[in-house]
Amino acid sequence: LVSIYNEQGIQQIGLEMGRSPVFLYEDHTGKPGPEDYPLFRGINLSDGKWHRIALSVHKKNVTLILDCKKKTTKFLDRSEHPVIDVNGIVVFGTRILDEEVFESSCPGRPQPVDHRVGWA
């Protein structure tokens, strides 16, 4: 759904949609590894409905808030003093090198939402 990259093109923060959303995170030390990304099992964001999604990171925890209700908190194995580079870019709907895009439609609007629409 969303990715934040540093100046070197390394994905630092992201949210991967699906039947079990994944919080993608990598601080300046490379922590955590992909095998330790927080996985929100049992939360289906691909159910064909619109949702309000918020993520809250505090110390070594990440909380997913879905439709204005706290759903679950997961451990985030990051450094004691993590640094996120703010000189990169933010990408919505895809990752930099992915071919696939996240598509959705709005009620009353028949075309899919696509990150390339603004460039057409």
Protein backbone atom coordinates (compact mmCIF):
# COMPACT_ATOMS: atom_id res chain seq x y z
CA LEU A 1 0.00 0.00 0.00
CA VAL A 2 2.74 2.45 0.96
CA SER A 3 6.54 2.43 1.07
CA ILE A 4 9.13 4.92 2.32
CA TYR A 5 12.60 4.68 0.75
CA ASN A 6 15.86 6.36 1.75
CA GLU A 7 18.17 8.19 -0.67
CA GLN A 8 19.90 4.92 -1.59
CA GLY A 9 16.59 3.30 -2.58
CA ILE A 10 16.35 1.03 0.47
CA GLN A 11 12.81 0.49 1.68
CA GLN A 12 12.65 1.67 5.30
CA ILE A 13 8.93 1.52 6.10
CA GLY A 14 6.01 -0.06 4.30
CA LEU A 15 2.69 -1.81 4.62
CA GLU A 16 2.03 -4.89 2.53
CA MET A 17 -1.67 -5.60 2.06
CA GLY A 18 -3.35 -8.97 2.01
CA ARG A 19 -5.12 -11.49 4.19
CA SER A 20 -2.36 -11.02 6.78
CA PRO A 21 -0.81 -7.54 6.43
CA VAL A 22 2.94 -7.16 6.97
CA PHE A 23 4.66 -4.09 8.44
CA LEU A 24 7.91 -3.66 6.52
CA TYR A 25 10.60 -1.86 8.47
CA GLU A 26 14.37 -1.43 8.31
CA ASP A 27 16.31 1.07 10.39
CA HIS A 28 19.84 2.39 9.77
CA THR A 29 21.38 -0.80 11.19
CA GLY A 30 19.33 -3.11 8.96
CA LYS A 31 17.09 -4.31 11.80
CA PRO A 32 14.90 -6.27 11.72
CA GLY A 33 15.51 -8.81 8.99
CA PRO A 34 12.62 -9.65 6.63
CA GLU A 35 11.93 -12.88 8.53
CA ASP A 36 11.16 -10.78 11.63
CA TYR A 37 8.78 -8.25 10.07
CA PRO A 38 5.58 -7.99 12.15
CA LEU A 39 2.78 -10.03 10.56
CA PHE A 40 -0.80 -9.20 11.49
CA ARG A 41 -2.44 -12.62 11.20
CA GLY A 42 -6.22 -12.78 11.12
CA ILE A 43 -6.67 -9.24 9.79
CA ASN A 44 -7.95 -9.34 6.22
CA LEU A 45 -7.50 -6.06 4.35
CA SER A 46 -8.32 -7.73 1.02
CA ASP A 47 -11.97 -8.38 1.80
CA GLY A 48 -13.34 -6.04 -0.86
CA LYS A 49 -14.29 -3.36 1.68
CA TRP A 50 -12.83 0.09 2.33
CA HIS A 51 -10.96 0.42 5.62
CA ARG A 52 -9.31 3.11 7.69
CA ILE A 53 -5.82 1.93 8.56
CA ALA A 54 -3.35 3.45 11.00
CA LEU A 55 -0.04 2.17 12.30
CA SER A 56 1.52 3.40 15.51
CA VAL A 57 5.17 2.66 16.31
CA HIS A 58 6.30 3.16 19.89
CA LYS A 59 9.66 1.90 21.12
CA LYS A 60 9.74 -1.76 20.03
CA ASN A 61 6.05 -2.21 19.27
CA VAL A 62 3.86 -1.54 16.27
CA THR A 63 0.08 -1.33 16.66
CA LEU A 64 -2.39 -1.74 13.82
CA ILE A 65 -5.57 0.30 14.17
CA LEU A 66 -8.32 -0.80 11.80
CA ASP A 67 -11.53 1.17 11.27
CA CYS A 68 -10.72 3.36 14.32
CA LYS A 69 -10.35 0.35 16.65
CA LYS A 70 -7.08 -0.97 18.04
CA LYS A 71 -6.69 -4.45 16.62
CA THR A 72 -3.33 -5.81 17.70
CA THR A 73 0.18 -4.88 18.78
CA LYS A 74 3.26 -6.76 17.55
CA PHE A 75 6.90 -6.73 18.61
CA LEU A 76 9.22 -4.72 16.33
CA ASP A 77 12.85 -5.84 16.68
CA ARG A 78 14.56 -2.53 15.95
CA SER A 79 17.63 -0.73 17.30
CA GLU A 80 17.60 1.18 20.58
CA HIS A 81 18.03 4.51 18.75
CA PRO A 82 16.70 3.87 15.23
CA VAL A 83 17.18 6.40 12.45
CA ILE A 84 14.89 6.72 9.43
CA ASP A 85 16.24 8.78 6.51
CA VAL A 86 13.71 11.44 5.52
CA ASN A 87 15.56 12.45 2.33
CA GLY A 88 14.11 9.66 0.20
CA ILE A 89 10.71 9.17 -1.43
CA VAL A 90 7.25 7.90 -0.51
CA VAL A 91 5.50 5.53 -2.94
CA PHE A 92 1.79 4.63 -2.79
CA GLY A 93 0.22 1.56 -4.39
CA THR A 94 3.41 -0.30 -5.33
CA ARG A 95 7.09 -0.72 -4.55
CA ILE A 96 9.80 0.86 -6.70
CA LEU A 97 10.68 -2.28 -8.69
CA ASP A 98 7.35 -4.14 -8.54
CA GLU A 99 5.41 -4.74 -11.73
CA GLU A 100 2.10 -5.20 -9.92
CA VAL A 101 0.12 -2.33 -8.41
CA PHE A 102 -2.53 -2.15 -5.71
CA GLU A 103 -5.86 -1.47 -7.41
CA SER A 104 -9.18 -0.53 -5.93
CA SER A 105 -12.34 1.24 -6.99
CA CYS A 106 -14.43 3.92 -5.37
CA PRO A 107 -18.23 3.76 -5.25
CA GLY A 108 -19.57 5.80 -8.16
CA ARG A 109 -16.20 5.76 -9.87
CA PRO A 110 -15.82 2.81 -12.27
CA GLN A 111 -12.08 3.02 -13.04
CA PRO A 112 -9.45 1.47 -10.72
CA VAL A 113 -7.22 3.60 -8.54
CA ASP A 114 -3.73 3.37 -10.03
CA HIS A 115 -0.55 5.24 -9.09
CA ARG A 116 0.08 5.98 -12.80
CA VAL A 117 -3.24 7.84 -13.34
CA GLY A 118 -1.69 11.21 -12.43
CA TRP A 119 0.96 10.74 -15.12
CA ALA A 120 -1.35 9.80 -17.99
